[in-house]
């Protein structure tokens, strides 16, 4: 996974280097979003794999399970068909609505 090695083995790895490795090698395999919270991603992945919500909240240092569920749980949106819910047209009435009938050019 972490294929790149620092040119100077006597220097500690920087936070920026580790962050870029994580994004390139882990996050990019999970999502194509450019700005992703790895804590959210890892916690949601753990939940998907059967780790209990109580353990995720405790080990992930979340304030409450509601905080995680309401703001950070990524797989929650997979259960909602947002596009169909928002963009589905209501049933068409039997009459035709013509917007020009209601336009005022005055």
N, C-alpha and C. Protein backbone atom coordinates (compact mmCIF):
# COMPACT_ATOMS: atom_id res chain seq x y z
N UNK A 1 0.82 -1.19 0.00
CA UNK A 1 0.00 0.00 0.00
C UNK A 1 0.86 1.25 0.00
N UNK A 2 1.59 1.52 1.04
CA UNK A 2 2.39 2.74 1.10
C UNK A 2 3.68 2.51 0.34
N UNK A 3 3.62 2.73 -0.95
CA UNK A 3 4.72 2.36 -1.83
C UNK A 3 5.86 3.38 -1.83
N UNK A 4 5.54 4.64 -1.63
CA UNK A 4 6.57 5.66 -1.69
C UNK A 4 7.37 5.67 -0.39
N UNK A 5 8.65 5.74 -0.52
CA UNK A 5 9.53 5.81 0.63
C UNK A 5 10.22 7.17 0.59
N UNK A 6 10.32 7.79 1.75
CA UNK A 6 10.98 9.09 1.82
C UNK A 6 12.42 8.94 1.33
N UNK A 7 12.91 9.97 0.63
CA UNK A 7 14.29 9.95 0.14
C UNK A 7 15.29 9.99 1.27
N UNK A 8 14.91 10.60 2.37
CA UNK A 8 15.82 10.69 3.50
C UNK A 8 15.25 9.85 4.64
N UNK A 9 15.82 8.68 4.83
CA UNK A 9 15.28 7.76 5.84
C UNK A 9 15.53 8.24 7.26
N UNK A 10 16.38 9.25 7.42
CA UNK A 10 16.65 9.79 8.75
C UNK A 10 15.62 10.83 9.18
N UNK A 11 14.79 11.27 8.26
CA UNK A 11 13.76 12.27 8.56
C UNK A 11 12.45 11.58 8.89
N UNK A 12 11.75 12.05 9.92
CA UNK A 12 10.43 11.47 10.19
C UNK A 12 9.45 11.85 9.09
N UNK A 13 8.46 11.02 8.89
CA UNK A 13 7.43 11.32 7.91
C UNK A 13 6.59 12.49 8.40
N UNK A 14 6.22 13.35 7.49
CA UNK A 14 5.39 14.50 7.86
C UNK A 14 3.91 14.11 7.83
N UNK A 15 3.11 14.90 8.51
CA UNK A 15 1.66 14.67 8.49
C UNK A 15 1.12 14.79 7.07
N UNK A 16 1.67 15.71 6.30
CA UNK A 16 1.24 15.89 4.91
C UNK A 16 1.51 14.67 4.06
N UNK A 17 2.68 14.05 4.26
CA UNK A 17 3.02 12.84 3.51
C UNK A 17 2.08 11.70 3.87
N UNK A 18 1.87 11.52 5.16
CA UNK A 18 0.95 10.45 5.59
C UNK A 18 -0.46 10.70 5.09
N UNK A 19 -0.89 11.96 5.13
CA UNK A 19 -2.23 12.29 4.65
C UNK A 19 -2.37 12.00 3.16
N UNK A 20 -1.36 12.35 2.38
CA UNK A 20 -1.44 12.09 0.94
C UNK A 20 -1.42 10.59 0.65
N UNK A 21 -0.64 9.83 1.42
CA UNK A 21 -0.64 8.37 1.25
C UNK A 21 -2.01 7.79 1.57
N UNK A 22 -2.59 8.23 2.69
CA UNK A 22 -3.92 7.74 3.07
C UNK A 22 -4.94 8.05 1.99
N UNK A 23 -4.90 9.27 1.49
CA UNK A 23 -5.89 9.64 0.48
C UNK A 23 -5.70 8.84 -0.80
N UNK A 24 -4.47 8.76 -1.25
CA UNK A 24 -4.21 8.06 -2.51
C UNK A 24 -4.47 6.57 -2.40
N UNK A 25 -4.06 5.97 -1.29
CA UNK A 25 -4.09 4.51 -1.20
C UNK A 25 -5.31 3.94 -0.48
N UNK A 26 -5.99 4.71 0.34
CA UNK A 26 -7.13 4.17 1.07
C UNK A 26 -8.43 4.87 0.69
N UNK A 27 -8.46 6.15 0.88
CA UNK A 27 -9.70 6.89 0.64
C UNK A 27 -10.11 6.81 -0.82
N UNK A 28 -9.17 6.93 -1.73
CA UNK A 28 -9.53 6.92 -3.15
C UNK A 28 -10.10 5.58 -3.59
N UNK A 29 -9.83 4.52 -2.84
CA UNK A 29 -10.43 3.22 -3.15
C UNK A 29 -11.87 3.14 -2.66
N UNK A 30 -12.23 4.00 -1.71
CA UNK A 30 -13.56 3.96 -1.10
C UNK A 30 -14.53 4.97 -1.69
N UNK A 31 -14.01 6.09 -2.17
CA UNK A 31 -14.89 7.15 -2.67
C UNK A 31 -14.13 8.03 -3.65
N UNK A 32 -14.87 8.70 -4.51
CA UNK A 32 -14.24 9.63 -5.45
C UNK A 32 -14.35 11.07 -4.96
N UNK A 33 -14.96 11.29 -3.80
CA UNK A 33 -15.09 12.63 -3.25
C UNK A 33 -13.72 13.17 -2.91
N UNK A 34 -13.52 14.47 -3.14
CA UNK A 34 -12.20 15.05 -2.90
C UNK A 34 -11.96 15.39 -1.43
N UNK A 35 -12.99 15.77 -0.70
CA UNK A 35 -12.81 16.15 0.70
C UNK A 35 -13.59 15.17 1.57
N UNK A 36 -12.87 14.22 2.12
CA UNK A 36 -13.51 13.17 2.90
C UNK A 36 -12.88 13.11 4.28
N UNK A 37 -13.70 12.93 5.28
CA UNK A 37 -13.24 12.77 6.65
C UNK A 37 -12.94 11.29 6.86
N UNK A 38 -11.66 10.96 7.07
CA UNK A 38 -11.28 9.55 7.19
C UNK A 38 -11.91 8.91 8.42
N UNK A 39 -12.11 9.68 9.47
CA UNK A 39 -12.77 9.15 10.67
C UNK A 39 -14.19 8.72 10.35
N UNK A 40 -14.89 9.54 9.59
CA UNK A 40 -16.25 9.20 9.16
C UNK A 40 -16.25 7.97 8.27
N UNK A 41 -15.33 7.95 7.31
CA UNK A 41 -15.23 6.83 6.37
C UNK A 41 -14.93 5.52 7.10
N UNK A 42 -13.97 5.54 8.01
CA UNK A 42 -13.59 4.33 8.74
C UNK A 42 -14.71 3.87 9.66
N UNK A 43 -15.36 4.81 10.33
CA UNK A 43 -16.46 4.45 11.23
C UNK A 43 -17.64 3.86 10.47
N UNK A 44 -17.98 4.45 9.34
CA UNK A 44 -19.08 3.93 8.53
C UNK A 44 -18.74 2.55 7.97
N UNK A 45 -17.48 2.37 7.57
CA UNK A 45 -17.05 1.06 7.07
C UNK A 45 -17.14 0.01 8.18
N UNK A 46 -16.74 0.38 9.39
CA UNK A 46 -16.82 -0.55 10.51
C UNK A 46 -18.28 -0.94 10.78
N UNK A 47 -19.18 0.03 10.72
CA UNK A 47 -20.60 -0.27 10.92
C UNK A 47 -21.11 -1.22 9.85
N UNK A 48 -20.71 -0.99 8.60
CA UNK A 48 -21.10 -1.87 7.49
C UNK A 48 -20.61 -3.30 7.70
N UNK A 49 -19.49 -3.44 8.40
CA UNK A 49 -18.90 -4.77 8.60
C UNK A 49 -19.35 -5.42 9.91
N UNK A 50 -20.33 -4.82 10.58
CA UNK A 50 -20.93 -5.46 11.73
C UNK A 50 -20.44 -5.02 13.10
N UNK A 51 -19.56 -4.02 13.15
CA UNK A 51 -19.13 -3.51 14.45
C UNK A 51 -20.31 -2.78 15.07
N UNK A 52 -20.54 -2.98 16.36
CA UNK A 52 -21.70 -2.37 17.00
C UNK A 52 -21.56 -0.85 17.05
N UNK A 53 -22.70 -0.18 17.01
CA UNK A 53 -22.71 1.28 17.07
C UNK A 53 -22.08 1.77 18.37
N UNK A 54 -22.33 1.08 19.48
CA UNK A 54 -21.73 1.47 20.77
C UNK A 54 -20.20 1.43 20.69
N UNK A 55 -19.65 0.38 20.08
CA UNK A 55 -18.19 0.29 19.94
C UNK A 55 -17.66 1.37 19.02
N UNK A 56 -18.36 1.66 17.95
CA UNK A 56 -17.92 2.70 17.02
C UNK A 56 -17.89 4.05 17.71
N UNK A 57 -18.94 4.35 18.48
CA UNK A 57 -19.00 5.63 19.20
C UNK A 57 -17.86 5.72 20.22
N UNK A 58 -17.62 4.64 20.95
CA UNK A 58 -16.57 4.64 21.97
C UNK A 58 -15.18 4.71 21.34
N UNK A 59 -14.89 3.80 20.42
CA UNK A 59 -13.55 3.73 19.83
C UNK A 59 -13.27 4.88 18.88
N UNK A 60 -14.31 5.42 18.26
CA UNK A 60 -14.13 6.55 17.36
C UNK A 60 -14.15 7.88 18.07
N UNK A 61 -14.37 7.84 19.39
CA UNK A 61 -14.41 9.04 20.21
C UNK A 61 -15.47 10.04 19.74
N UNK A 62 -16.62 9.51 19.31
CA UNK A 62 -17.74 10.36 18.94
C UNK A 62 -18.42 10.83 20.22
N UNK A 63 -18.96 12.03 20.23
CA UNK A 63 -19.62 12.56 21.43
C UNK A 63 -20.84 11.71 21.78
N UNK A 64 -21.68 11.45 20.79
CA UNK A 64 -22.86 10.60 21.00
C UNK A 64 -23.09 9.80 19.73
N UNK A 65 -23.90 8.76 19.85
CA UNK A 65 -24.25 8.00 18.65
C UNK A 65 -25.06 8.85 17.69
N UNK A 66 -25.85 9.79 18.23
CA UNK A 66 -26.64 10.68 17.37
C UNK A 66 -25.74 11.58 16.53
N UNK A 67 -24.64 12.05 17.11
CA UNK A 67 -23.70 12.89 16.36
C UNK A 67 -23.15 12.12 15.17
N UNK A 68 -22.72 10.89 15.42
CA UNK A 68 -22.20 10.07 14.33
C UNK A 68 -23.29 9.79 13.29
N UNK A 69 -24.44 9.33 13.74
CA UNK A 69 -25.53 8.94 12.85
C UNK A 69 -26.03 10.13 12.01
N UNK A 70 -26.23 11.28 12.65
CA UNK A 70 -26.85 12.42 11.97
C UNK A 70 -25.90 13.22 11.08
N UNK A 71 -24.61 13.18 11.38
CA UNK A 71 -23.69 14.05 10.66
C UNK A 71 -22.56 13.35 9.92
N UNK A 72 -22.21 12.15 10.31
CA UNK A 72 -21.01 11.53 9.75
C UNK A 72 -21.23 10.15 9.14
N UNK A 73 -22.33 9.50 9.43
CA UNK A 73 -22.55 8.14 8.92
C UNK A 73 -22.78 8.19 7.42
N UNK A 74 -21.81 7.72 6.67
CA UNK A 74 -21.84 7.85 5.21
C UNK A 74 -22.82 6.89 4.56
N UNK A 75 -22.98 5.71 5.07
CA UNK A 75 -23.84 4.72 4.44
C UNK A 75 -25.32 5.03 4.63
N UNK A 76 -25.64 5.99 5.46
CA UNK A 76 -27.04 6.36 5.69
C UNK A 76 -27.66 6.91 4.41
N UNK A 77 -26.90 7.66 3.64
CA UNK A 77 -27.44 8.23 2.40
C UNK A 77 -27.68 7.16 1.35
N UNK A 78 -27.01 6.03 1.46
CA UNK A 78 -27.23 4.96 0.49
C UNK A 78 -28.64 4.39 0.60
N UNK A 79 -29.26 4.58 1.76
CA UNK A 79 -30.62 4.07 1.97
C UNK A 79 -31.68 5.01 1.42
N UNK A 80 -31.28 6.21 1.05
CA UNK A 80 -32.24 7.21 0.58
C UNK A 80 -32.03 7.42 -0.91
N UNK A 81 -33.07 7.28 -1.68
CA UNK A 81 -32.99 7.56 -3.11
C UNK A 81 -33.34 9.04 -3.30
N UNK A 82 -32.35 9.88 -3.03
CA UNK A 82 -32.55 11.32 -3.02
C UNK A 82 -33.07 11.84 -4.35
N UNK A 83 -32.47 11.41 -5.43
CA UNK A 83 -32.87 11.90 -6.75
C UNK A 83 -34.32 11.59 -7.05
N UNK A 84 -34.72 10.37 -6.84
CA UNK A 84 -36.11 10.00 -7.12
C UNK A 84 -37.08 10.69 -6.18
N UNK A 85 -36.68 10.84 -4.93
CA UNK A 85 -37.56 11.47 -3.96
C UNK A 85 -37.77 12.94 -4.28
N UNK A 86 -36.71 13.63 -4.63
CA UNK A 86 -36.80 15.07 -4.86
C UNK A 86 -37.29 15.41 -6.26
N UNK A 87 -36.83 14.67 -7.25
CA UNK A 87 -37.10 15.05 -8.63
C UNK A 87 -38.29 14.35 -9.27
N UNK A 88 -38.92 13.45 -8.59
CA UNK A 88 -40.07 12.78 -9.18
C UNK A 88 -41.22 13.77 -9.30
N UNK A 89 -41.75 13.88 -10.49
CA UNK A 89 -42.86 14.80 -10.73
C UNK A 89 -44.12 14.25 -10.10
N UNK A 90 -44.95 15.14 -9.56
CA UNK A 90 -46.22 14.66 -9.02
C UNK A 90 -47.10 14.15 -10.16
N UNK A 91 -48.08 13.36 -9.85
CA UNK A 91 -48.97 12.87 -10.92
C UNK A 91 -49.57 14.05 -11.69
N UNK A 92 -49.56 13.95 -12.99
CA UNK A 92 -50.07 15.03 -13.83
C UNK A 92 -51.59 15.10 -13.73
N UNK A 93 -52.12 16.30 -13.57
CA UNK A 93 -53.58 16.43 -13.57
C UNK A 93 -54.12 16.22 -14.98
N UNK A 94 -55.41 16.07 -15.07
CA UNK A 94 -56.03 15.84 -16.37
C UNK A 94 -56.07 17.08 -17.24
N UNK A 95 -55.75 18.23 -16.68
CA UNK A 95 -55.80 19.45 -17.48
C UNK A 95 -54.40 19.97 -17.75
N UNK A 96 -54.25 20.69 -18.81
CA UNK A 96 -52.97 21.27 -19.21
C UNK A 96 -52.83 22.64 -18.57
N UNK A 97 -51.70 22.90 -17.96
CA UNK A 97 -51.43 24.19 -17.35
C UNK A 97 -50.56 24.97 -18.31
N UNK A 98 -51.00 26.14 -18.70
CA UNK A 98 -50.24 27.00 -19.61
C UNK A 98 -49.80 28.23 -18.83
N UNK A 99 -48.52 28.37 -18.62
CA UNK A 99 -47.99 29.48 -17.84
C UNK A 99 -48.29 30.82 -18.49
N UNK A 100 -48.40 30.87 -19.80
CA UNK A 100 -48.67 32.14 -20.47
C UNK A 100 -50.02 32.72 -20.07
N UNK A 101 -50.94 31.89 -19.66
CA UNK A 101 -52.25 32.38 -19.22
C UNK A 101 -52.13 33.23 -17.96
N UNK A 102 -51.04 33.05 -17.21
CA UNK A 102 -50.89 33.74 -15.94
C UNK A 102 -49.81 34.81 -15.98
N UNK A 103 -49.16 35.01 -17.12
CA UNK A 103 -48.12 36.02 -17.23
C UNK A 103 -48.74 37.39 -17.43
N UNK A 104 -48.14 38.36 -16.78
CA UNK A 104 -48.57 39.74 -16.99
C UNK A 104 -47.39 40.48 -17.58
N UNK A 105 -47.58 41.08 -18.73
CA UNK A 105 -46.50 41.80 -19.40
C UNK A 105 -46.53 43.29 -19.08
N UNK A 106 -47.42 43.70 -18.18
CA UNK A 106 -47.52 45.12 -17.81
C UNK A 106 -46.45 45.51 -16.85
